[in-house]
Amino acid sequence: MSALPVRPKLDALRRRIETLERKGAPAARAGSAFALGPLTVAPGALHEIRVFGWRDAPAASGLALAISGKIAARTRKPVVFIREPRGYISIGRAYACGLSSFGVDPADIIVVSPESAKEALWATEEAAGASGVGAVVIEFLKPHKLLDLTATRRLQLAAEASGTTPIFLRSAGDATPSAARTRWRIAAAPSAADSYDLKASGNPRWRVELEKCRAGGRGAWVLEWDYETGELREAAVHGRALPEMADRSFEEIAAVA
């Protein structure tokens, strides 16, 4: 997993993206939508993930990376992972072995650690407009005035032109309008039982609600990542219902944090 230096990281990212664009295959830019369990992901479009509570942020990161890993495998292009500095303090860094378990090759991840929201947005636009990049995952733990409808519209236009797929992770209390084609709301769910050890955790699960889709339709599912097959599928939930997802205001979340 590549880690960029602190100060020259943006220049290094620009040079690497230029190299990837020269190597990118034009035929892979205009791919068709593909299914991940009940979810349909359209390439060359901005997709947005919001969490129900700040404690769900690591789960949302895992799902976003799993989706981006599928895109990387499909396009044979790397993933750019951008997280504001506070994210590493609150959530920690992506773990190479964990990435592999979600089907993501750590060698295919370009990690960008911006020092400000302005730098993060610039890096995101550069990556989203690069045809040599398969997917871009950008995380913000708190709302920011720069991340408005205009900014997301620029990301959407860049994605349409390049074929790259940006996945934007936003905080629980961020209700800013967005130009994203789809918006999902994510919460962690109890894992599946381990078939070999009943005391161990099994396949990870998420509660997922589709809140917005330009093509129409909404829904809610429990999704499960199968470690053995490397596939995302709808979980078979039996017995006691899963607990309801907390729906608290951002002020309440910030007070707890």
C-alpha atoms as a PDB file:
ATOM      1  CA  MET A   1       0.000   0.000   0.000  1.00  0.00           C
ATOM      2  CA  SER A   2       1.594   3.264  -1.131  1.00  0.00           C
ATOM      3  CA  ALA A   3       1.927   6.153   1.322  1.00  0.00           C
ATOM      4  CA  LEU A   4       2.680   9.622  -0.034  1.00  0.00           C
ATOM      5  CA  PRO A   5       4.979  12.104   1.800  1.00  0.00           C
ATOM      6  CA  VAL A   6       3.407  14.967   3.712  1.00  0.00           C
ATOM      7  CA  ARG A   7       4.347  18.100   1.702  1.00  0.00           C
ATOM      8  CA  PRO A   8       5.041  16.915  -1.873  1.00  0.00           C
ATOM      9  CA  LYS A   9       2.141  14.471  -1.884  1.00  0.00           C
ATOM     10  CA  LEU A  10      -0.086  16.497  -4.220  1.00  0.00           C
ATOM     11  CA  ASP A  11       2.626  16.962  -6.842  1.00  0.00           C
ATOM     12  CA  ALA A  12       3.487  13.276  -6.571  1.00  0.00           C
ATOM     13  CA  LEU A  13      -0.184  12.366  -6.967  1.00  0.00           C
ATOM     14  CA  ARG A  14      -0.454  14.519 -10.102  1.00  0.00           C
ATOM     15  CA  ARG A  15       2.612  12.855 -11.652  1.00  0.00           C
ATOM     16  CA  ARG A  16       1.350   9.382 -10.814  1.00  0.00           C
ATOM     17  CA  ILE A  17      -2.092  10.102 -12.228  1.00  0.00           C
ATOM     18  CA  GLU A  18      -0.519  11.402 -15.445  1.00  0.00           C
ATOM     19  CA  THR A  19       1.447   8.156 -15.712  1.00  0.00           C
ATOM     20  CA  LEU A  20      -1.680   6.079 -15.113  1.00  0.00           C
ATOM     21  CA  GLU A  21      -3.599   8.039 -17.747  1.00  0.00           C
ATOM     22  CA  ARG A  22      -0.932   7.285 -20.323  1.00  0.00           C
ATOM     23  CA  LYS A  23      -1.165   3.579 -19.483  1.00  0.00           C
ATOM     24  CA  GLY A  24      -4.972   3.442 -19.183  1.00  0.00           C
ATOM     25  CA  ALA A  25      -6.902   1.408 -21.743  1.00  0.00           C
ATOM     26  CA  PRO A  26      -9.552   3.590 -23.464  1.00  0.00           C
ATOM     27  CA  ALA A  27     -11.847   0.584 -23.908  1.00  0.00           C
ATOM     28  CA  ALA A  28     -12.196   0.220 -20.137  1.00  0.00           C
ATOM     29  CA  ARG A  29     -13.475   3.778 -19.647  1.00  0.00           C
ATOM     30  CA  ALA A  30     -17.068   3.306 -20.696  1.00  0.00           C
ATOM     31  CA  GLY A  31     -18.069   0.230 -18.756  1.00  0.00           C
ATOM     32  CA  SER A  32     -21.613  -0.819 -17.988  1.00  0.00           C
ATOM     33  CA  ALA A  33     -23.230  -0.874 -14.562  1.00  0.00           C
ATOM     34  CA  PHE A  34     -22.607  -3.968 -12.479  1.00  0.00           C
ATOM     35  CA  ALA A  35     -24.348  -5.554  -9.517  1.00  0.00           C
ATOM     36  CA  LEU A  36     -22.960  -6.064  -6.021  1.00  0.00           C
ATOM     37  CA  GLY A  37     -25.641  -8.101  -4.331  1.00  0.00           C
ATOM     38  CA  PRO A  38     -28.797  -5.959  -4.576  1.00  0.00           C
ATOM     39  CA  LEU A  39     -26.746  -2.809  -5.250  1.00  0.00           C
ATOM     40  CA  THR A  40     -26.070  -1.553  -8.758  1.00  0.00           C
ATOM     41  CA  VAL A  41     -22.926   0.504  -9.256  1.00  0.00           C
ATOM     42  CA  ALA A  42     -22.662   2.660 -12.371  1.00  0.00           C
ATOM     43  CA  PRO A  43     -19.071   3.450 -13.409  1.00  0.00           C
ATOM     44  CA  GLY A  44     -18.206   6.994 -14.363  1.00  0.00           C
ATOM     45  CA  ALA A  45     -20.592   8.387 -11.748  1.00  0.00           C
ATOM     46  CA  LEU A  46     -20.372   9.839  -8.256  1.00  0.00           C
ATOM     47  CA  HIS A  47     -21.836   7.658  -5.493  1.00  0.00           C
ATOM     48  CA  GLU A  48     -22.356   8.823  -1.926  1.00  0.00           C
ATOM     49  CA  ILE A  49     -22.354   6.934   1.375  1.00  0.00           C
ATOM     50  CA  ARG A  50     -23.601   8.451   4.623  1.00  0.00           C
ATOM     51  CA  VAL A  51     -23.380   6.783   8.011  1.00  0.00           C
ATOM     52  CA  PHE A  52     -26.137   6.629  10.606  1.00  0.00           C
ATOM     53  CA  GLY A  53     -23.786   7.419  13.488  1.00  0.00           C
ATOM     54  CA  TRP A  54     -20.101   8.229  13.894  1.00  0.00           C
ATOM     55  CA  ARG A  55     -19.451   4.723  15.224  1.00  0.00           C
ATOM     56  CA  ASP A  56     -20.481   3.348  11.822  1.00  0.00           C
ATOM     57  CA  ALA A  57     -17.672   5.164   9.993  1.00  0.00           C
ATOM     58  CA  PRO A  58     -15.246   2.185   9.998  1.00  0.00           C
ATOM     59  CA  ALA A  59     -17.992  -0.078   8.636  1.00  0.00           C
ATOM     60  CA  ALA A  60     -18.727   2.409   5.859  1.00  0.00           C
ATOM     61  CA  SER A  61     -15.020   2.587   5.014  1.00  0.00           C
ATOM     62  CA  GLY A  62     -14.881  -1.192   4.757  1.00  0.00           C
ATOM     63  CA  LEU A  63     -17.873  -1.347   2.425  1.00  0.00           C
ATOM     64  CA  ALA A  64     -16.541   1.488   0.247  1.00  0.00           C
ATOM     65  CA  LEU A  65     -13.169  -0.227  -0.077  1.00  0.00           C
ATOM     66  CA  ALA A  66     -14.833  -3.555  -0.895  1.00  0.00           C
ATOM     67  CA  ILE A  67     -16.828  -1.872  -3.669  1.00  0.00           C
ATOM     68  CA  SER A  68     -13.755  -0.034  -4.958  1.00  0.00           C
ATOM     69  CA  GLY A  69     -11.815  -3.305  -4.941  1.00  0.00           C
ATOM     70  CA  LYS A  70     -14.416  -4.827  -7.253  1.00  0.00           C
ATOM     71  CA  ILE A  71     -14.101  -1.813  -9.532  1.00  0.00           C
ATOM     72  CA  ALA A  72     -10.294  -2.099  -9.519  1.00  0.00           C
ATOM     73  CA  ALA A  73     -10.471  -5.775 -10.443  1.00  0.00           C
ATOM     74  CA  ARG A  74     -12.996  -5.074 -13.179  1.00  0.00           C
ATOM     75  CA  THR A  75     -11.106  -2.160 -14.733  1.00  0.00           C
ATOM     76  CA  ARG A  76      -7.565  -3.305 -13.843  1.00  0.00           C
ATOM     77  CA  LYS A  77      -6.898   0.176 -12.527  1.00  0.00           C
ATOM     78  CA  PRO A  78      -5.862   1.336  -9.033  1.00  0.00           C
ATOM     79  CA  VAL A  79      -7.936   2.928  -6.287  1.00  0.00           C
ATOM     80  CA  VAL A  80      -7.118   6.347  -4.822  1.00  0.00           C
ATOM     81  CA  PHE A  81      -8.024   6.566  -1.119  1.00  0.00           C
ATOM     82  CA  ILE A  82      -8.300  10.096   0.319  1.00  0.00           C
ATOM     83  CA  ARG A  83      -9.151  10.813   3.939  1.00  0.00           C
ATOM     84  CA  GLU A  84      -9.016  14.076   5.844  1.00  0.00           C
ATOM     85  CA  PRO A  85      -6.316  14.094   8.593  1.00  0.00           C
ATOM     86  CA  ARG A  86      -8.796  13.710  11.460  1.00  0.00           C
ATOM     87  CA  GLY A  87      -9.925  10.430   9.974  1.00  0.00           C
ATOM     88  CA  TYR A  88      -6.646   8.708  10.760  1.00  0.00           C
ATOM     89  CA  ILE A  89      -6.883   9.850  14.371  1.00  0.00           C
ATOM     90  CA  SER A  90     -10.492   8.693  14.808  1.00  0.00           C
ATOM     91  CA  ILE A  91     -10.561   5.564  12.639  1.00  0.00           C
ATOM     92  CA  GLY A  92      -6.950   4.617  11.954  1.00  0.00           C
ATOM     93  CA  ARG A  93      -5.257   3.659   8.720  1.00  0.00           C
ATOM     94  CA  ALA A  94      -6.287   0.986   6.268  1.00  0.00           C
ATOM     95  CA  TYR A  95      -4.677  -2.362   7.148  1.00  0.00           C
ATOM     96  CA  ALA A  96      -3.094  -4.323   4.304  1.00  0.00           C
ATOM     97  CA  CYS A  97      -4.330  -7.726   5.503  1.00  0.00           C
ATOM     98  CA  GLY A  98      -7.803  -6.300   5.994  1.00  0.00           C
ATOM     99  CA  LEU A  99      -7.787  -4.894   2.477  1.00  0.00           C
ATOM    100  CA  SER A 100      -6.829  -8.300   1.100  1.00  0.00           C
ATOM    101  CA  SER A 101      -9.723  -9.945   2.931  1.00  0.00           C
ATOM    102  CA  PHE A 102     -12.077  -7.584   1.071  1.00  0.00           C
ATOM    103  CA  GLY A 103     -10.539  -8.488  -2.255  1.00  0.00           C
ATOM    104  CA  VAL A 104      -8.419  -5.342  -2.499  1.00  0.00           C
ATOM    105  CA  ASP A 105      -4.774  -5.734  -3.490  1.00  0.00           C
ATOM    106  CA  PRO A 106      -2.797  -3.312  -1.251  1.00  0.00           C
ATOM    107  CA  ALA A 107      -0.496  -2.670  -4.220  1.00  0.00           C
ATOM    108  CA  ASP A 108      -3.480  -1.190  -6.076  1.00  0.00           C
ATOM    109  CA  ILE A 109      -4.193   1.455  -3.413  1.00  0.00           C
ATOM    110  CA  ILE A 110      -2.809   4.987  -3.642  1.00  0.00           C
ATOM    111  CA  VAL A 111      -3.213   6.623  -0.219  1.00  0.00           C
ATOM    112  CA  VAL A 112      -3.409  10.415  -0.066  1.00  0.00           C
ATOM    113  CA  SER A 113      -3.183  12.227   3.293  1.00  0.00           C
ATOM    114  CA  PRO A 114      -4.162  15.877   2.689  1.00  0.00           C
ATOM    115  CA  GLU A 115      -3.625  18.511   5.342  1.00  0.00           C
ATOM    116  CA  SER A 116      -6.856  20.396   4.698  1.00  0.00           C
ATOM    117  CA  ALA A 117     -10.301  20.015   3.179  1.00  0.00           C
ATOM    118  CA  LYS A 118      -9.208  22.212   0.273  1.00  0.00           C
ATOM    119  CA  GLU A 119      -6.304  19.869  -0.513  1.00  0.00           C
ATOM    120  CA  ALA A 120      -8.559  16.828  -0.160  1.00  0.00           C
ATOM    121  CA  LEU A 121     -11.103  18.238  -2.601  1.00  0.00           C
ATOM    122  CA  TRP A 122      -8.364  19.186  -5.092  1.00  0.00           C
ATOM    123  CA  ALA A 123      -6.858  15.696  -4.936  1.00  0.00           C
ATOM    124  CA  THR A 124     -10.313  14.152  -5.364  1.00  0.00           C
ATOM    125  CA  GLU A 125     -11.056  16.204  -8.484  1.00  0.00           C
ATOM    126  CA  GLU A 126      -7.661  15.325  -9.968  1.00  0.00           C
ATOM    127  CA  ALA A 127      -8.170  11.615  -9.332  1.00  0.00           C
ATOM    128  CA  ALA A 128     -11.805  11.622 -10.485  1.00  0.00           C
ATOM    129  CA  GLY A 129     -10.755  13.158 -13.782  1.00  0.00           C
ATOM    130  CA  ALA A 130      -7.998  10.607 -14.436  1.00  0.00           C
ATOM    131  CA  SER A 131      -8.879   7.811 -16.839  1.00  0.00           C
ATOM    132  CA  GLY A 132      -6.061   5.713 -15.376  1.00  0.00           C
ATOM    133  CA  VAL A 133      -7.852   5.457 -11.999  1.00  0.00           C
ATOM    134  CA  GLY A 134     -10.572   2.879 -11.373  1.00  0.00           C
ATOM    135  CA  ALA A 135     -12.184   4.357  -8.260  1.00  0.00           C
ATOM    136  CA  VAL A 136     -11.685   7.175  -5.771  1.00  0.00           C
ATOM    137  CA  VAL A 137     -12.740   6.846  -2.125  1.00  0.00           C
ATOM    138  CA  ILE A 138     -12.944  10.179  -0.298  1.00  0.00           C
ATOM    139  CA  GLU A 139     -13.853  10.430   3.403  1.00  0.00           C
ATOM    140  CA  PHE A 140     -14.984  13.430   5.434  1.00  0.00           C
ATOM    141  CA  LEU A 141     -15.969  12.983   9.077  1.00  0.00           C
ATOM    142  CA  LYS A 142     -17.647  16.385   9.397  1.00  0.00           C
ATOM    143  CA  PRO A 143     -19.574  18.689   7.045  1.00  0.00           C
ATOM    144  CA  HIS A 144     -17.505  21.345   5.279  1.00  0.00           C
ATOM    145  CA  LYS A 145     -18.606  24.423   3.351  1.00  0.00           C
ATOM    146  CA  LEU A 146     -16.389  23.475   0.386  1.00  0.00           C
ATOM    147  CA  LEU A 147     -18.261  20.198  -0.103  1.00  0.00           C
ATOM    148  CA  ASP A 148     -21.381  21.735  -1.573  1.00  0.00           C
ATOM    149  CA  LEU A 149     -23.582  20.987  -4.567  1.00  0.00           C
ATOM    150  CA  THR A 150     -21.182  22.787  -6.909  1.00  0.00           C
ATOM    151  CA  ALA A 151     -18.204  20.720  -5.744  1.00  0.00           C
ATOM    152  CA  THR A 152     -20.044  17.420  -6.132  1.00  0.00           C
ATOM    153  CA  ARG A 153     -21.277  18.523  -9.547  1.00  0.00           C
ATOM    154  CA  ARG A 154     -17.657  19.037 -10.604  1.00  0.00           C
ATOM    155  CA  LEU A 155     -16.828  15.537  -9.356  1.00  0.00           C
ATOM    156  CA  GLN A 156     -19.758  14.077 -11.281  1.00  0.00           C
ATOM    157  CA  LEU A 157     -18.703  15.812 -14.502  1.00  0.00           C
ATOM    158  CA  ALA A 158     -15.091  14.688 -14.038  1.00  0.00           C
ATOM    159  CA  ALA A 159     -16.249  11.105 -13.486  1.00  0.00           C
ATOM    160  CA  GLU A 160     -18.441  11.171 -16.585  1.00  0.00           C
ATOM    161  CA  ALA A 161     -15.529  12.392 -18.703  1.00  0.00           C
ATOM    162  CA  SER A 162     -12.947   9.908 -17.392  1.00  0.00           C
ATOM    163  CA  GLY A 163     -14.986   6.822 -16.523  1.00  0.00           C
ATOM    164  CA  THR A 164     -13.583   6.851 -12.980  1.00  0.00           C
ATOM    165  CA  THR A 165     -15.974   6.046 -10.107  1.00  0.00           C
ATOM    166  CA  PRO A 166     -15.767   8.351  -7.040  1.00  0.00           C
ATOM    167  CA  ILE A 167     -17.294   7.091  -3.775  1.00  0.00           C
ATOM    168  CA  PHE A 168     -17.868   9.922  -1.307  1.00  0.00           C
ATOM    169  CA  LEU A 169     -18.214   9.063   2.408  1.00  0.00           C
ATOM    170  CA  ARG A 170     -19.983  11.792   4.381  1.00  0.00           C
ATOM    171  CA  SER A 171     -20.730  12.224   8.064  1.00  0.00           C
ATOM    172  CA  ALA A 172     -23.996  11.286   9.729  1.00  0.00           C
ATOM    173  CA  GLY A 173     -25.153  14.883  10.113  1.00  0.00           C
ATOM    174  CA  ASP A 174     -24.179  16.111   6.663  1.00  0.00           C
ATOM    175  CA  ALA A 175     -27.397  16.815   4.753  1.00  0.00           C
ATOM    176  CA  THR A 176     -25.754  19.054   2.133  1.00  0.00           C
ATOM    177  CA  PRO A 177     -27.331  18.644  -1.336  1.00  0.00           C
ATOM    178  CA  SER A 178     -25.243  16.526  -3.668  1.00  0.00           C
ATOM    179  CA  ALA A 179     -25.024  15.742  -7.377  1.00  0.00           C
ATOM    180  CA  ALA A 180     -24.301  12.072  -6.632  1.00  0.00           C
ATOM    181  CA  ARG A 181     -26.152   9.561  -8.779  1.00  0.00           C
ATOM    182  CA  THR A 182     -26.890   7.339  -5.770  1.00  0.00           C
ATOM    183  CA  ARG A 183     -26.813   7.829  -2.013  1.00  0.00           C
ATOM    184  CA  TRP A 184     -26.634   4.935   0.441  1.00  0.00           C
ATOM    185  CA  ARG A 185     -26.911   5.082   4.210  1.00  0.00           C
ATOM    186  CA  ILE A 186     -24.786   2.569   6.102  1.00  0.00           C
ATOM    187  CA  ALA A 187     -24.655   1.106   9.602  1.00  0.00           C
ATOM    188  CA  ALA A 188     -22.715  -1.775  11.057  1.00  0.00           C
ATOM    189  CA  ALA A 189     -24.657  -4.995  11.639  1.00  0.00           C
ATOM    190  CA  PRO A 190     -23.847  -8.076  13.759  1.00  0.00           C
ATOM    191  CA  SER A 191     -21.605 -10.416  11.804  1.00  0.00           C
ATOM    192  CA  ALA A 192     -22.653 -13.832  10.611  1.00  0.00           C
ATOM    193  CA  ALA A 193     -21.877 -16.847  12.784  1.00  0.00           C
ATOM    194  CA  ASP A 194     -18.574 -18.564  12.050  1.00  0.00           C
ATOM    195  CA  SER A 195     -19.272 -22.077  10.787  1.00  0.00           C
ATOM    196  CA  TYR A 196     -16.071 -23.399  12.395  1.00  0.00           C
ATOM    197  CA  ASP A 197     -16.095 -21.525  15.706  1.00  0.00           C
ATOM    198  CA  LEU A 198     -19.375 -20.322  17.211  1.00  0.00           C
ATOM    199  CA  LYS A 199     -17.486 -17.924  19.495  1.00  0.00           C
ATOM    200  CA  ALA A 200     -15.690 -16.216  16.610  1.00  0.00           C
ATOM    201  CA  SER A 201     -17.049 -13.527  14.333  1.00  0.00           C
ATOM    202  CA  GLY A 202     -17.929 -14.591  10.817  1.00  0.00           C
ATOM    203  CA  ASN A 203     -18.511 -12.685   7.605  1.00  0.00           C
ATOM    204  CA  PRO A 204     -18.995  -8.923   8.148  1.00  0.00           C
ATOM    205  CA  ARG A 205     -22.422  -7.432   7.569  1.00  0.00           C
ATOM    206  CA  TRP A 206     -23.882  -3.991   6.944  1.00  0.00           C
ATOM    207  CA  ARG A 207     -27.326  -2.448   7.123  1.00  0.00           C
ATOM    208  CA  VAL A 208     -27.757  -0.563   3.848  1.00  0.00           C
ATOM    209  CA  GLU A 209     -30.527   1.815   2.799  1.00  0.00           C
ATOM    210  CA  LEU A 210     -30.703   3.232  -0.713  1.00  0.00           C
ATOM    211  CA  GLU A 211     -31.955   6.783  -0.114  1.00  0.00           C
ATOM    212  CA  LYS A 212     -31.443   8.263  -3.572  1.00  0.00           C
ATOM    213  CA  CYS A 213     -31.147   6.842  -7.070  1.00  0.00           C
ATOM    214  CA  ARG A 214     -31.545   8.786 -10.302  1.00  0.00           C
ATOM    215  CA  ALA A 215     -32.859   5.666 -11.993  1.00  0.00           C
ATOM    216  CA  GLY A 216     -35.590   5.441  -9.350  1.00  0.00           C
ATOM    217  CA  GLY A 217     -36.250   2.985  -6.572  1.00  0.00           C
ATOM    218  CA  ARG A 218     -35.326   2.755  -2.904  1.00  0.00           C
ATOM    219  CA  GLY A 219     -34.756  -0.144  -0.578  1.00  0.00           C
ATOM    220  CA  ALA A 220     -33.101  -1.538   2.532  1.00  0.00           C
ATOM    221  CA  TRP A 221     -31.018  -4.679   2.927  1.00  0.00           C
ATOM    222  CA  VAL A 222     -28.590  -6.486   5.171  1.00  0.00           C
ATOM    223  CA  LEU A 223     -25.484  -7.166   3.100  1.00  0.00           C
ATOM    224  CA  GLU A 224     -22.761  -9.686   3.829  1.00  0.00           C
ATOM    225  CA  TRP A 225     -19.221 -10.008   2.490  1.00  0.00           C
ATOM    226  CA  ASP A 226     -18.314 -13.641   1.868  1.00  0.00           C
ATOM    227  CA  TYR A 227     -14.624 -14.060   2.668  1.00  0.00           C
ATOM    228  CA  GLU A 228     -14.417 -17.373   0.815  1.00  0.00           C
ATOM    229  CA  THR A 229     -15.978 -16.270  -2.481  1.00  0.00           C
ATOM    230  CA  GLY A 230     -15.015 -12.594  -2.323  1.00  0.00           C
ATOM    231  CA  GLU A 231     -18.579 -11.556  -3.141  1.00  0.00           C
ATOM    232  CA  LEU A 232     -21.046  -9.101  -1.643  1.00  0.00           C
ATOM    233  CA  ARG A 233     -24.502 -10.612  -1.222  1.00  0.00           C
ATOM    234  CA  GLU A 234     -27.759 -10.136   0.608  1.00  0.00           C
ATOM    235  CA  ALA A 235     -27.541 -11.839   3.984  1.00  0.00           C
ATOM    236  CA  ALA A 236     -29.929 -14.550   5.073  1.00  0.00           C
ATOM    237  CA  VAL A 237     -31.084 -13.194   8.430  1.00  0.00           C
ATOM    238  CA  HIS A 238     -33.022 -15.555  10.692  1.00  0.00           C
ATOM    239  CA  GLY A 239     -34.370 -15.375  14.202  1.00  0.00           C
ATOM    240  CA  ARG A 240     -34.089 -12.181  16.228  1.00  0.00           C
ATOM    241  CA  ALA A 241     -34.311  -9.034  14.157  1.00  0.00           C
ATOM    242  CA  LEU A 242     -31.263  -6.836  13.895  1.00  0.00           C
ATOM    243  CA  PRO A 243     -31.327  -3.733  16.098  1.00  0.00           C
ATOM    244  CA  GLU A 244     -32.606  -0.525  14.570  1.00  0.00           C
ATOM    245  CA  MET A 245     -29.987   1.919  13.320  1.00  0.00           C
ATOM    246  CA  ALA A 246     -29.484   4.966  15.476  1.00  0.00           C
ATOM    247  CA  ASP A 247     -30.647   8.170  13.824  1.00  0.00           C
ATOM    248  CA  ARG A 248     -29.142  10.963  15.868  1.00  0.00           C
ATOM    249  CA  SER A 249     -28.379  14.551  15.006  1.00  0.00           C
ATOM    250  CA  PHE A 250     -24.835  15.627  14.194  1.00  0.00           C
ATOM    251  CA  GLU A 251     -24.779  17.755  17.355  1.00  0.00           C
ATOM    252  CA  GLU A 252     -25.495  14.691  19.478  1.00  0.00           C
ATOM    253  CA  ILE A 253     -22.819  12.706  17.668  1.00  0.00           C
ATOM    254  CA  ALA A 254     -20.256  15.489  18.075  1.00  0.00           C
ATOM    255  CA  ALA A 255     -21.075  15.727  21.786  1.00  0.00           C
ATOM    256  CA  VAL A 256     -20.384  12.026  22.255  1.00  0.00           C
ATOM    257  CA  ALA A 257     -17.206  12.175  20.140  1.00  0.00           C
END
